Amino acid sequence: MRAIDVHTHWFPKAFLDFVAKHGPEHGVEWKEVEGKGPQFKVGHLMTGPVGPNFTDLDARLAMMDAQGVAAHAVSLSQPHVYWAGRTLGEKLAALYNEELARMHEHAPRRLFGLATLPMHEPDLAAKEVERAAKLAGMRGFYLSTVVNDRELSDPVFFPVYERIEALALPIFLHPIHVIAAKRLEKFYLTNLLGNPFEAAVAAAHLIFGGVMDRFPALEWVLPHAGGAFPWLAGRLNRGWEKRADLKHIQHPPAAYLKRFYYDTVGYSNDVLDYLVRVVGSDRILMGSDYCFPIAYEKPVEIVTAHPSLTAQNKQAICEANAARLLRL
């Protein structure tokens, strides 16, 4: 089995240096915590320190070997680039994507990129789609669940989606900022609750905003096992049944469950069982959230040691689905 981890993050040194130089003028606080790696602060959002494995490719490859992981699909994480304004945001996204290509060249059979886009400037994001898709090792795109104050259902993003759909590449979603941020500051709830609910809110906007209908061939991947979305699909369905203002979509909301892919980062065998039952093992991808503190240390074993998955389920989740989606 050639296990593929689709949910991993990376900060290249060139990106960190660029943020260190230009971030403060945009309200981004950045520092290197000795022995613990980089740390960011953008408003309420704090990221890190994330540790040396987050930035060091050779350390990453060694960890992958220890985990039995053959390949990583690599994306940026917080603080993303939406804070950086038009000119700087374009440069920062392009820089990160070029570093992803260099990363791929470092280990061409093992490291693949999910390109970052300056979605806060949709015209520039559309241009970067075309440019980034030609870079070595690029296998998809990575967007936040909300772009500053714009939901993903905003028609201003449709030209970006149109270009990505034409390239037959997937979009991976990930939270950056979360709803009700002040309420979630204590007890690590920004991550434990905020991130999973972000996936649900984004999925609902994509469904009710008509994005799933308008772009039927565009593939979407939800992080954190879909967060709250798979568990609340029945509630969304009930709203659609009872409210005339929700009848504009082509199908009941629950029918869109299988339009998304889901990673395995649900931290529960029951969650994975539920996803297999509701959306099917062909829509589930192995993930770890490498290498945040909450990440799986043994992402392959989470699947292979699962007591109720069949051998076919395990092979699909660990390898086949991701290989098909990412065209590896």
C-alpha atoms as a PDB file:
ATOM      1  CA  MET A   1       0.000   0.000   0.000  1.00  0.00           C
ATOM      2  CA  ARG A   2       1.357   3.438  -0.966  1.00  0.00           C
ATOM      3  CA  ALA A   3      -0.345   5.580   1.695  1.00  0.00           C
ATOM      4  CA  ILE A   4      -1.088   9.195   0.726  1.00  0.00           C
ATOM      5  CA  ASP A   5      -1.692  11.874   3.368  1.00  0.00           C
ATOM      6  CA  VAL A   6      -3.832  14.671   1.888  1.00  0.00           C
ATOM      7  CA  HIS A   7      -3.955  16.966   4.933  1.00  0.00           C
ATOM      8  CA  THR A   8      -0.476  18.304   5.683  1.00  0.00           C
ATOM      9  CA  HIS A   9       0.987  21.777   6.083  1.00  0.00           C
ATOM     10  CA  TRP A  10       4.349  23.450   5.490  1.00  0.00           C
ATOM     11  CA  PHE A  11       6.057  26.814   5.961  1.00  0.00           C
ATOM     12  CA  PRO A  12       9.056  27.259   3.613  1.00  0.00           C
ATOM     13  CA  LYS A  13      11.830  29.533   4.861  1.00  0.00           C
ATOM     14  CA  ALA A  14      11.351  31.983   1.976  1.00  0.00           C
ATOM     15  CA  PHE A  15       7.696  32.407   2.986  1.00  0.00           C
ATOM     16  CA  LEU A  16       8.620  32.974   6.628  1.00  0.00           C
ATOM     17  CA  ASP A  17      11.289  35.517   5.688  1.00  0.00           C
ATOM     18  CA  PHE A  18       8.810  37.381   3.495  1.00  0.00           C
ATOM     19  CA  VAL A  19       6.200  37.487   6.265  1.00  0.00           C
ATOM     20  CA  ALA A  20       8.827  38.609   8.788  1.00  0.00           C
ATOM     21  CA  LYS A  21       9.775  41.509   6.515  1.00  0.00           C
ATOM     22  CA  HIS A  22       6.343  42.671   5.371  1.00  0.00           C
ATOM     23  CA  GLY A  23       3.878  41.256   7.898  1.00  0.00           C
ATOM     24  CA  PRO A  24       4.213  43.856  10.673  1.00  0.00           C
ATOM     25  CA  GLU A  25       2.931  46.668   8.459  1.00  0.00           C
ATOM     26  CA  HIS A  26      -0.229  44.584   7.962  1.00  0.00           C
ATOM     27  CA  GLY A  27      -0.686  43.718  11.635  1.00  0.00           C
ATOM     28  CA  VAL A  28       0.938  40.289  11.468  1.00  0.00           C
ATOM     29  CA  GLU A  29       3.157  39.443  14.426  1.00  0.00           C
ATOM     30  CA  TRP A  30       5.842  36.860  13.694  1.00  0.00           C
ATOM     31  CA  LYS A  31       8.657  35.438  15.734  1.00  0.00           C
ATOM     32  CA  GLU A  32      10.906  32.401  15.922  1.00  0.00           C
ATOM     33  CA  VAL A  33      10.549  30.622  19.269  1.00  0.00           C
ATOM     34  CA  GLU A  34      13.906  29.082  20.063  1.00  0.00           C
ATOM     35  CA  GLY A  35      13.854  25.340  19.541  1.00  0.00           C
ATOM     36  CA  LYS A  36      10.126  25.370  18.787  1.00  0.00           C
ATOM     37  CA  GLY A  37       9.818  27.000  15.361  1.00  0.00           C
ATOM     38  CA  PRO A  38       7.768  29.909  13.998  1.00  0.00           C
ATOM     39  CA  GLN A  39       4.761  31.542  15.623  1.00  0.00           C
ATOM     40  CA  PHE A  40       2.216  33.920  14.024  1.00  0.00           C
ATOM     41  CA  LYS A  41      -0.444  36.208  15.409  1.00  0.00           C
ATOM     42  CA  VAL A  42      -3.048  37.905  13.216  1.00  0.00           C
ATOM     43  CA  GLY A  43      -5.745  39.563  15.318  1.00  0.00           C
ATOM     44  CA  HIS A  44      -7.239  36.838  17.544  1.00  0.00           C
ATOM     45  CA  LEU A  45      -5.576  34.121  15.490  1.00  0.00           C
ATOM     46  CA  MET A  46      -2.457  32.530  16.971  1.00  0.00           C
ATOM     47  CA  THR A  47      -0.507  29.841  15.113  1.00  0.00           C
ATOM     48  CA  GLY A  48       2.418  27.959  16.590  1.00  0.00           C
ATOM     49  CA  PRO A  49       5.065  27.583  17.599  1.00  0.00           C
ATOM     50  CA  VAL A  50       4.765  24.645  15.258  1.00  0.00           C
ATOM     51  CA  GLY A  51       8.141  22.927  15.679  1.00  0.00           C
ATOM     52  CA  PRO A  52      10.973  22.207  13.271  1.00  0.00           C
ATOM     53  CA  ASN A  53       9.150  19.406  11.442  1.00  0.00           C
ATOM     54  CA  PHE A  54       6.790  22.027  10.048  1.00  0.00           C
ATOM     55  CA  THR A  55       9.569  23.735   8.101  1.00  0.00           C
ATOM     56  CA  ASP A  56      12.264  21.078   7.547  1.00  0.00           C
ATOM     57  CA  LEU A  57      11.627  18.865   4.502  1.00  0.00           C
ATOM     58  CA  ASP A  58      14.158  16.204   5.462  1.00  0.00           C
ATOM     59  CA  ALA A  59      12.644  15.964   8.938  1.00  0.00           C
ATOM     60  CA  ARG A  60       9.251  15.617   7.254  1.00  0.00           C
ATOM     61  CA  LEU A  61      10.460  12.800   5.013  1.00  0.00           C
ATOM     62  CA  ALA A  62      11.950  10.980   8.000  1.00  0.00           C
ATOM     63  CA  MET A  63       8.642  11.313   9.863  1.00  0.00           C
ATOM     64  CA  MET A  64       6.754  10.053   6.802  1.00  0.00           C
ATOM     65  CA  ASP A  65       9.023   6.999   6.734  1.00  0.00           C
ATOM     66  CA  ALA A  66       8.342   6.352  10.415  1.00  0.00           C
ATOM     67  CA  GLN A  67       4.587   6.643   9.824  1.00  0.00           C
ATOM     68  CA  GLY A  68       4.570   4.469   6.708  1.00  0.00           C
ATOM     69  CA  VAL A  69       3.366   7.387   4.577  1.00  0.00           C
ATOM     70  CA  ALA A  70       4.533   7.410   0.967  1.00  0.00           C
ATOM     71  CA  ALA A  71       3.321  10.862  -0.119  1.00  0.00           C
ATOM     72  CA  HIS A  72       2.097  14.189   1.252  1.00  0.00           C
ATOM     73  CA  ALA A  73      -0.238  16.681  -0.381  1.00  0.00           C
ATOM     74  CA  VAL A  74       1.109  19.897   1.133  1.00  0.00           C
ATOM     75  CA  SER A  75      -0.695  23.171   1.785  1.00  0.00           C
ATOM     76  CA  LEU A  76      -0.230  26.444   3.603  1.00  0.00           C
ATOM     77  CA  SER A  77      -2.012  27.012   6.886  1.00  0.00           C
ATOM     78  CA  GLN A  78      -2.730  30.001   9.086  1.00  0.00           C
ATOM     79  CA  PRO A  79      -2.234  32.874   8.633  1.00  0.00           C
ATOM     80  CA  HIS A  80      -2.710  32.303   4.884  1.00  0.00           C
ATOM     81  CA  VAL A  81      -2.392  35.401   2.610  1.00  0.00           C
ATOM     82  CA  TYR A  82      -5.774  37.158   2.754  1.00  0.00           C
ATOM     83  CA  TRP A  83      -4.481  39.699   5.284  1.00  0.00           C
ATOM     84  CA  ALA A  84      -1.784  40.956   2.919  1.00  0.00           C
ATOM     85  CA  GLY A  85      -3.712  43.269   0.611  1.00  0.00           C
ATOM     86  CA  ARG A  86      -3.634  43.227  -3.162  1.00  0.00           C
ATOM     87  CA  THR A  87      -0.010  43.602  -4.221  1.00  0.00           C
ATOM     88  CA  LEU A  88       1.615  41.831  -1.297  1.00  0.00           C
ATOM     89  CA  GLY A  89      -1.013  39.076  -1.277  1.00  0.00           C
ATOM     90  CA  GLU A  90      -0.355  38.299  -4.929  1.00  0.00           C
ATOM     91  CA  LYS A  91       3.404  38.142  -4.334  1.00  0.00           C
ATOM     92  CA  LEU A  92       3.023  36.028  -1.204  1.00  0.00           C
ATOM     93  CA  ALA A  93       0.756  33.460  -2.889  1.00  0.00           C
ATOM     94  CA  ALA A  94       3.064  33.221  -5.904  1.00  0.00           C
ATOM     95  CA  LEU A  95       6.100  32.833  -3.650  1.00  0.00           C
ATOM     96  CA  TYR A  96       4.480  30.030  -1.673  1.00  0.00           C
ATOM     97  CA  ASN A  97       3.460  28.186  -4.818  1.00  0.00           C
ATOM     98  CA  GLU A  98       6.950  28.453  -6.273  1.00  0.00           C
ATOM     99  CA  GLU A  99       8.316  27.037  -3.020  1.00  0.00           C
ATOM    100  CA  LEU A 100       5.839  24.149  -3.331  1.00  0.00           C
ATOM    101  CA  ALA A 101       7.333  23.408  -6.757  1.00  0.00           C
ATOM    102  CA  ARG A 102      10.845  23.419  -5.257  1.00  0.00           C
ATOM    103  CA  MET A 103       9.595  21.145  -2.502  1.00  0.00           C
ATOM    104  CA  HIS A 104       8.282  18.713  -5.116  1.00  0.00           C
ATOM    105  CA  GLU A 105      11.645  18.730  -6.883  1.00  0.00           C
ATOM    106  CA  HIS A 106      13.278  17.846  -3.552  1.00  0.00           C
ATOM    107  CA  ALA A 107      11.257  14.602  -3.393  1.00  0.00           C
ATOM    108  CA  PRO A 108       9.288  14.262  -6.646  1.00  0.00           C
ATOM    109  CA  ARG A 109       7.585  10.972  -5.810  1.00  0.00           C
ATOM    110  CA  ARG A 110       6.652  11.968  -2.286  1.00  0.00           C
ATOM    111  CA  LEU A 111       5.784  15.678  -1.981  1.00  0.00           C
ATOM    112  CA  PHE A 112       3.004  17.344  -3.972  1.00  0.00           C
ATOM    113  CA  GLY A 113       1.539  20.829  -3.758  1.00  0.00           C
ATOM    114  CA  LEU A 114      -1.898  22.351  -3.175  1.00  0.00           C
ATOM    115  CA  ALA A 115      -1.572  25.877  -4.494  1.00  0.00           C
ATOM    116  CA  THR A 116      -2.526  28.931  -2.472  1.00  0.00           C
ATOM    117  CA  LEU A 117      -4.557  31.674  -4.173  1.00  0.00           C
ATOM    118  CA  PRO A 118      -5.033  35.362  -3.265  1.00  0.00           C
ATOM    119  CA  MET A 119      -8.806  34.822  -3.117  1.00  0.00           C
ATOM    120  CA  HIS A 120      -9.355  38.204  -1.449  1.00  0.00           C
ATOM    121  CA  GLU A 121      -8.560  39.627  -4.919  1.00  0.00           C
ATOM    122  CA  PRO A 122     -10.525  37.279  -7.194  1.00  0.00           C
ATOM    123  CA  ASP A 123      -9.108  38.598 -10.471  1.00  0.00           C
ATOM    124  CA  LEU A 124      -5.586  37.918  -9.231  1.00  0.00           C
ATOM    125  CA  ALA A 125      -6.671  34.506  -7.909  1.00  0.00           C
ATOM    126  CA  ALA A 126      -7.959  33.568 -11.369  1.00  0.00           C
ATOM    127  CA  LYS A 127      -4.600  34.503 -12.893  1.00  0.00           C
ATOM    128  CA  GLU A 128      -2.709  32.542 -10.254  1.00  0.00           C
ATOM    129  CA  VAL A 129      -4.812  29.451 -10.963  1.00  0.00           C
ATOM    130  CA  GLU A 130      -3.477  29.367 -14.515  1.00  0.00           C
ATOM    131  CA  ARG A 131       0.109  30.119 -13.481  1.00  0.00           C
ATOM    132  CA  ALA A 132       0.302  27.783 -10.481  1.00  0.00           C
ATOM    133  CA  ALA A 133      -1.258  24.846 -12.326  1.00  0.00           C
ATOM    134  CA  LYS A 134       1.803  24.741 -14.585  1.00  0.00           C
ATOM    135  CA  LEU A 135       4.272  24.481 -11.697  1.00  0.00           C
ATOM    136  CA  ALA A 136       5.929  21.160 -10.928  1.00  0.00           C
ATOM    137  CA  GLY A 137       4.052  18.838  -8.610  1.00  0.00           C
ATOM    138  CA  MET A 138       0.874  20.929  -8.262  1.00  0.00           C
ATOM    139  CA  ARG A 139      -2.147  18.694  -7.721  1.00  0.00           C
ATOM    140  CA  GLY A 140      -4.894  20.989  -6.472  1.00  0.00           C
ATOM    141  CA  PHE A 141      -5.799  24.261  -4.782  1.00  0.00           C
ATOM    142  CA  TYR A 142      -6.225  25.264  -1.179  1.00  0.00           C
ATOM    143  CA  LEU A 143      -8.807  27.821  -0.011  1.00  0.00           C
ATOM    144  CA  SER A 144     -10.017  29.007   3.354  1.00  0.00           C
ATOM    145  CA  THR A 145     -13.601  28.256   4.398  1.00  0.00           C
ATOM    146  CA  VAL A 146     -14.282  32.002   4.269  1.00  0.00           C
ATOM    147  CA  VAL A 147     -12.313  34.758   2.541  1.00  0.00           C
ATOM    148  CA  ASN A 148     -12.176  37.704   4.931  1.00  0.00           C
ATOM    149  CA  ASP A 149     -15.832  38.828   4.913  1.00  0.00           C
ATOM    150  CA  ARG A 150     -16.895  36.913   1.785  1.00  0.00           C
ATOM    151  CA  GLU A 151     -18.461  33.464   1.802  1.00  0.00           C
ATOM    152  CA  LEU A 152     -17.369  30.943  -0.815  1.00  0.00           C
ATOM    153  CA  SER A 153     -20.815  31.223  -2.427  1.00  0.00           C
ATOM    154  CA  ASP A 154     -20.123  34.835  -3.442  1.00  0.00           C
ATOM    155  CA  PRO A 155     -20.448  35.017  -7.270  1.00  0.00           C
ATOM    156  CA  VAL A 156     -17.260  37.079  -7.379  1.00  0.00           C
ATOM    157  CA  PHE A 157     -15.383  33.767  -6.968  1.00  0.00           C
ATOM    158  CA  PHE A 158     -17.143  31.973  -9.821  1.00  0.00           C
ATOM    159  CA  PRO A 159     -14.498  32.811 -12.467  1.00  0.00           C
ATOM    160  CA  VAL A 160     -11.898  31.206 -10.174  1.00  0.00           C
ATOM    161  CA  TYR A 161     -13.999  28.051  -9.785  1.00  0.00           C
ATOM    162  CA  GLU A 162     -14.598  27.921 -13.528  1.00  0.00           C
ATOM    163  CA  ARG A 163     -10.870  27.851 -14.216  1.00  0.00           C
ATOM    164  CA  ILE A 164     -10.177  25.211 -11.577  1.00  0.00           C
ATOM    165  CA  GLU A 165     -13.007  23.014 -12.848  1.00  0.00           C
ATOM    166  CA  ALA A 166     -11.618  23.266 -16.384  1.00  0.00           C
ATOM    167  CA  LEU A 167      -8.255  22.026 -15.106  1.00  0.00           C
ATOM    168  CA  ALA A 168      -9.941  19.021 -13.417  1.00  0.00           C
ATOM    169  CA  LEU A 169      -8.100  19.766 -10.164  1.00  0.00           C
ATOM    170  CA  PRO A 170      -9.693  19.576  -6.692  1.00  0.00           C
ATOM    171  CA  ILE A 171     -10.184  22.311  -4.102  1.00  0.00           C
ATOM    172  CA  PHE A 172      -9.177  21.544  -0.527  1.00  0.00           C
ATOM    173  CA  LEU A 173     -10.794  23.684   2.171  1.00  0.00           C
ATOM    174  CA  HIS A 174      -9.331  24.584   5.534  1.00  0.00           C
ATOM    175  CA  PRO A 175     -10.396  27.009   8.293  1.00  0.00           C
ATOM    176  CA  ILE A 176      -8.350  30.107   8.989  1.00  0.00           C
ATOM    177  CA  HIS A 177     -10.668  32.366  10.992  1.00  0.00           C
ATOM    178  CA  VAL A 178     -13.689  30.877  12.739  1.00  0.00           C
ATOM    179  CA  ILE A 179     -17.184  32.015  13.642  1.00  0.00           C
ATOM    180  CA  ALA A 180     -17.767  33.402  17.142  1.00  0.00           C
ATOM    181  CA  ALA A 181     -14.021  33.725  17.664  1.00  0.00           C
ATOM    182  CA  LYS A 182     -14.275  35.578  20.999  1.00  0.00           C
ATOM    183  CA  ARG A 183     -16.452  32.838  22.495  1.00  0.00           C
ATOM    184  CA  LEU A 184     -13.908  30.202  21.505  1.00  0.00           C
ATOM    185  CA  GLU A 185     -10.721  31.782  22.828  1.00  0.00           C
ATOM    186  CA  LYS A 186     -10.639  29.689  26.002  1.00  0.00           C
ATOM    187  CA  PHE A 187      -9.975  25.967  26.281  1.00  0.00           C
ATOM    188  CA  TYR A 188      -8.496  25.599  22.758  1.00  0.00           C
ATOM    189  CA  LEU A 189     -12.076  25.801  21.427  1.00  0.00           C
ATOM    190  CA  THR A 190     -11.011  27.808  18.369  1.00  0.00           C
ATOM    191  CA  ASN A 191      -9.559  24.550  17.089  1.00  0.00           C
ATOM    192  CA  LEU A 192     -11.671  21.925  18.858  1.00  0.00           C
ATOM    193  CA  LEU A 193     -15.043  23.461  17.926  1.00  0.00           C
ATOM    194  CA  GLY A 194     -14.402  26.434  15.655  1.00  0.00           C
ATOM    195  CA  ASN A 195     -12.600  24.553  12.916  1.00  0.00           C
ATOM    196  CA  PRO A 196     -15.172  21.729  12.569  1.00  0.00           C
ATOM    197  CA  PHE A 197     -18.069  24.182  12.434  1.00  0.00           C
ATOM    198  CA  GLU A 198     -16.271  26.210   9.759  1.00  0.00           C
ATOM    199  CA  ALA A 199     -16.392  23.176   7.471  1.00  0.00           C
ATOM    200  CA  ALA A 200     -20.157  22.895   8.010  1.00  0.00           C
ATOM    201  CA  VAL A 201     -20.794  26.581   7.342  1.00  0.00           C
ATOM    202  CA  ALA A 202     -18.678  26.514   4.172  1.00  0.00           C
ATOM    203  CA  ALA A 203     -20.395  23.375   2.858  1.00  0.00           C
ATOM    204  CA  ALA A 204     -23.844  24.897   3.487  1.00  0.00           C
ATOM    205  CA  HIS A 205     -22.908  28.053   1.595  1.00  0.00           C
ATOM    206  CA  LEU A 206     -21.588  26.022  -1.337  1.00  0.00           C
ATOM    207  CA  ILE A 207     -24.837  24.037  -1.460  1.00  0.00           C
ATOM    208  CA  PHE A 208     -27.439  26.753  -0.881  1.00  0.00           C
ATOM    209  CA  GLY A 209     -25.377  29.312  -2.806  1.00  0.00           C
ATOM    210  CA  GLY A 210     -25.664  27.179  -5.919  1.00  0.00           C
ATOM    211  CA  VAL A 211     -21.950  26.537  -6.325  1.00  0.00           C
ATOM    212  CA  MET A 212     -22.332  22.757  -6.350  1.00  0.00           C
ATOM    213  CA  ASP A 213     -25.017  22.999  -9.047  1.00  0.00           C
ATOM    214  CA  ARG A 214     -23.195  25.557 -11.192  1.00  0.00           C
ATOM    215  CA  PHE A 215     -19.894  23.618 -11.176  1.00  0.00           C
ATOM    216  CA  PRO A 216     -20.944  19.944 -11.253  1.00  0.00           C
ATOM    217  CA  ALA A 217     -17.467  18.610 -12.128  1.00  0.00           C
ATOM    218  CA  LEU A 218     -15.585  20.580  -9.478  1.00  0.00           C
ATOM    219  CA  GLU A 219     -14.306  18.401  -6.634  1.00  0.00           C
ATOM    220  CA  TRP A 220     -14.240  19.708  -3.040  1.00  0.00           C
ATOM    221  CA  VAL A 221     -12.446  18.237  -0.029  1.00  0.00           C
ATOM    222  CA  LEU A 222     -13.636  19.057   3.488  1.00  0.00           C
ATOM    223  CA  PRO A 223     -11.110  18.875   6.338  1.00  0.00           C
ATOM    224  CA  HIS A 224     -11.519  17.337   9.779  1.00  0.00           C
ATOM    225  CA  ALA A 225     -13.797  14.549   8.514  1.00  0.00           C
ATOM    226  CA  GLY A 226     -16.220  17.192   7.254  1.00  0.00           C
ATOM    227  CA  GLY A 227     -16.496  18.748  10.685  1.00  0.00           C
ATOM    228  CA  ALA A 228     -20.108  19.159  11.745  1.00  0.00           C
ATOM    229  CA  PHE A 229     -21.471  19.004   8.195  1.00  0.00           C
ATOM    230  CA  PRO A 230     -22.107  15.241   7.802  1.00  0.00           C
ATOM    231  CA  TRP A 231     -23.865  15.147  11.165  1.00  0.00           C
ATOM    232  CA  LEU A 232     -26.129  18.112  10.364  1.00  0.00           C
ATOM    233  CA  ALA A 233     -27.094  17.185   6.804  1.00  0.00           C
ATOM    234  CA  GLY A 234     -30.468  15.929   8.039  1.00  0.00           C
ATOM    235  CA  ARG A 235     -31.131  19.296   9.687  1.00  0.00           C
ATOM    236  CA  LEU A 236     -30.229  21.114   6.473  1.00  0.00           C
ATOM    237  CA  ASN A 237     -32.579  18.746   4.660  1.00  0.00           C
ATOM    238  CA  ARG A 238     -35.397  19.551   7.073  1.00  0.00           C
ATOM    239  CA  GLY A 239     -34.943  23.251   6.436  1.00  0.00           C
ATOM    240  CA  TRP A 240     -35.082  22.633   2.682  1.00  0.00           C
ATOM    241  CA  GLU A 241     -38.299  20.617   3.092  1.00  0.00           C
ATOM    242  CA  LYS A 242     -40.052  23.294   5.148  1.00  0.00           C
ATOM    243  CA  ARG A 243     -38.800  26.590   3.705  1.00  0.00           C
ATOM    244  CA  ALA A 244     -39.793  27.819   0.256  1.00  0.00           C
ATOM    245  CA  ASP A 245     -36.778  30.144   0.115  1.00  0.00           C
ATOM    246  CA  LEU A 246     -34.432  27.114   0.126  1.00  0.00           C
ATOM    247  CA  LYS A 247     -36.065  25.295  -2.806  1.00  0.00           C
ATOM    248  CA  HIS A 248     -33.836  26.905  -5.445  1.00  0.00           C
ATOM    249  CA  ILE A 249     -31.154  24.192  -5.348  1.00  0.00           C
ATOM    250  CA  GLN A 250     -31.422  21.191  -7.668  1.00  0.00           C
ATOM    251  CA  HIS A 251     -31.383  18.486  -4.974  1.00  0.00           C
ATOM    252  CA  PRO A 252     -32.089  18.085  -1.259  1.00  0.00           C
ATOM    253  CA  PRO A 253     -29.049  19.155   0.818  1.00  0.00           C
ATOM    254  CA  ALA A 254     -28.295  15.596   1.947  1.00  0.00           C
ATOM    255  CA  ALA A 255     -27.873  14.581  -1.681  1.00  0.00           C
ATOM    256  CA  TYR A 256     -24.772  16.777  -1.842  1.00  0.00           C
ATOM    257  CA  LEU A 257     -22.991  14.777   0.871  1.00  0.00           C
ATOM    258  CA  LYS A 258     -21.382  12.635  -1.830  1.00  0.00           C
ATOM    259  CA  ARG A 259     -20.251  15.674  -3.808  1.00  0.00           C
ATOM    260  CA  PHE A 260     -17.577  16.271  -1.188  1.00  0.00           C
ATOM    261  CA  TYR A 261     -14.523  14.280  -0.153  1.00  0.00           C
ATOM    262  CA  TYR A 262     -13.673  13.970   3.550  1.00  0.00           C
ATOM    263  CA  ASP A 263     -10.384  13.341   5.320  1.00  0.00           C
ATOM    264  CA  THR A 264      -9.989  10.939   8.246  1.00  0.00           C
ATOM    265  CA  VAL A 265      -9.149  13.586  10.853  1.00  0.00           C
ATOM    266  CA  GLY A 266     -12.177  12.931  13.056  1.00  0.00           C
ATOM    267  CA  TYR A 267     -10.357  11.393  16.057  1.00  0.00           C
ATOM    268  CA  SER A 268     -12.923   8.629  16.453  1.00  0.00           C
ATOM    269  CA  ASN A 269     -13.565   5.210  14.931  1.00  0.00           C
ATOM    270  CA  ASP A 270     -17.271   6.014  15.138  1.00  0.00           C
ATOM    271  CA  VAL A 271     -16.813   9.106  12.970  1.00  0.00           C
ATOM    272  CA  LEU A 272     -15.028   7.086  10.310  1.00  0.00           C
ATOM    273  CA  ASP A 273     -17.694   4.355  10.502  1.00  0.00           C
ATOM    274  CA  TYR A 274     -20.386   6.988   9.996  1.00  0.00           C
ATOM    275  CA  LEU A 275     -18.657   8.491   6.965  1.00  0.00           C
ATOM    276  CA  VAL A 276     -18.199   5.085   5.347  1.00  0.00           C
ATOM    277  CA  ARG A 277     -21.882   4.348   5.886  1.00  0.00           C
ATOM    278  CA  VAL A 278     -23.218   7.728   4.762  1.00  0.00           C
ATOM    279  CA  VAL A 279     -20.882   8.851   1.967  1.00  0.00           C
ATOM    280  CA  GLY A 280     -18.988   5.652   1.116  1.00  0.00           C
ATOM    281  CA  SER A 281     -15.359   4.655   1.415  1.00  0.00           C
ATOM    282  CA  ASP A 282     -14.713   6.019  -2.091  1.00  0.00           C
ATOM    283  CA  ARG A 283     -15.147   9.594  -0.792  1.00  0.00           C
ATOM    284  CA  ILE A 284     -12.745   9.370   2.164  1.00  0.00           C
ATOM    285  CA  LEU A 285      -9.053  10.324   2.104  1.00  0.00           C
ATOM    286  CA  MET A 286      -6.388   9.616   4.690  1.00  0.00           C
ATOM    287  CA  GLY A 287      -5.198  12.742   6.492  1.00  0.00           C
ATOM    288  CA  SER A 288      -3.162  13.671   9.537  1.00  0.00           C
ATOM    289  CA  ASP A 289      -3.115  17.506   9.904  1.00  0.00           C
ATOM    290  CA  TYR A 290       0.693  17.244   9.908  1.00  0.00           C
ATOM    291  CA  CYS A 291       2.294  18.543  11.950  1.00  0.00           C
ATOM    292  CA  PHE A 292       0.194  20.518  14.414  1.00  0.00           C
ATOM    293  CA  PRO A 293       0.132  19.260  18.025  1.00  0.00           C
ATOM    294  CA  ILE A 294      -3.366  17.844  17.510  1.00  0.00           C
ATOM    295  CA  ALA A 295      -2.324  15.890  14.397  1.00  0.00           C
ATOM    296  CA  TYR A 296      -2.398  12.125  14.118  1.00  0.00           C
ATOM    297  CA  GLU A 297       0.995  10.600  14.916  1.00  0.00           C
ATOM    298  CA  LYS A 298       0.034   7.361  13.101  1.00  0.00           C
ATOM    299  CA  PRO A 299      -2.396   8.327  10.332  1.00  0.00           C
ATOM    300  CA  VAL A 300      -2.018   5.061   8.415  1.00  0.00           C
ATOM    301  CA  GLU A 301      -2.658   2.938  11.481  1.00  0.00           C
ATOM    302  CA  ILE A 302      -5.844   4.913  12.211  1.00  0.00           C
ATOM    303  CA  VAL A 303      -7.215   3.324   9.041  1.00  0.00           C
ATOM    304  CA  THR A 304      -5.480  -0.038   8.888  1.00  0.00           C
ATOM    305  CA  ALA A 305      -6.201  -0.909  12.536  1.00  0.00           C
ATOM    306  CA  HIS A 306      -9.841   0.157  12.314  1.00  0.00           C
ATOM    307  CA  PRO A 307     -11.873  -2.861  13.476  1.00  0.00           C
ATOM    308  CA  SER A 308     -14.809  -2.652  11.058  1.00  0.00           C
ATOM    309  CA  LEU A 309     -13.231  -1.498   7.778  1.00  0.00           C
ATOM    310  CA  THR A 310     -12.717  -4.084   5.064  1.00  0.00           C
ATOM    311  CA  ALA A 311      -9.386  -4.528   3.307  1.00  0.00           C
ATOM    312  CA  GLN A 312     -10.932  -2.852   0.267  1.00  0.00           C
ATOM    313  CA  ASN A 313     -12.086   0.097   2.397  1.00  0.00           C
ATOM    314  CA  LYS A 314      -8.613   0.507   3.867  1.00  0.00           C
ATOM    315  CA  GLN A 315      -6.864   0.430   0.512  1.00  0.00           C
ATOM    316  CA  ALA A 316      -9.295   2.962  -0.941  1.00  0.00           C
ATOM    317  CA  ILE A 317      -8.960   5.366   1.985  1.00  0.00           C
ATOM    318  CA  CYS A 318      -5.188   5.130   2.358  1.00  0.00           C
ATOM    319  CA  GLU A 319      -4.245   5.159  -1.306  1.00  0.00           C
ATOM    320  CA  ALA A 320      -6.647   4.669  -4.195  1.00  0.00           C
ATOM    321  CA  ASN A 321      -9.009   7.617  -3.634  1.00  0.00           C
ATOM    322  CA  ALA A 322      -6.214  10.148  -3.227  1.00  0.00           C
ATOM    323  CA  ALA A 323      -4.233   8.738  -6.141  1.00  0.00           C
ATOM    324  CA  ARG A 324      -7.304   9.144  -8.358  1.00  0.00           C
ATOM    325  CA  LEU A 325      -8.269  12.599  -7.096  1.00  0.00           C
ATOM    326  CA  LEU A 326      -4.734  14.015  -7.219  1.00  0.00           C
ATOM    327  CA  ARG A 327      -3.823  12.181 -10.439  1.00  0.00           C
ATOM    328  CA  LEU A 328      -0.733  10.616  -8.916  1.00  0.00           C
END
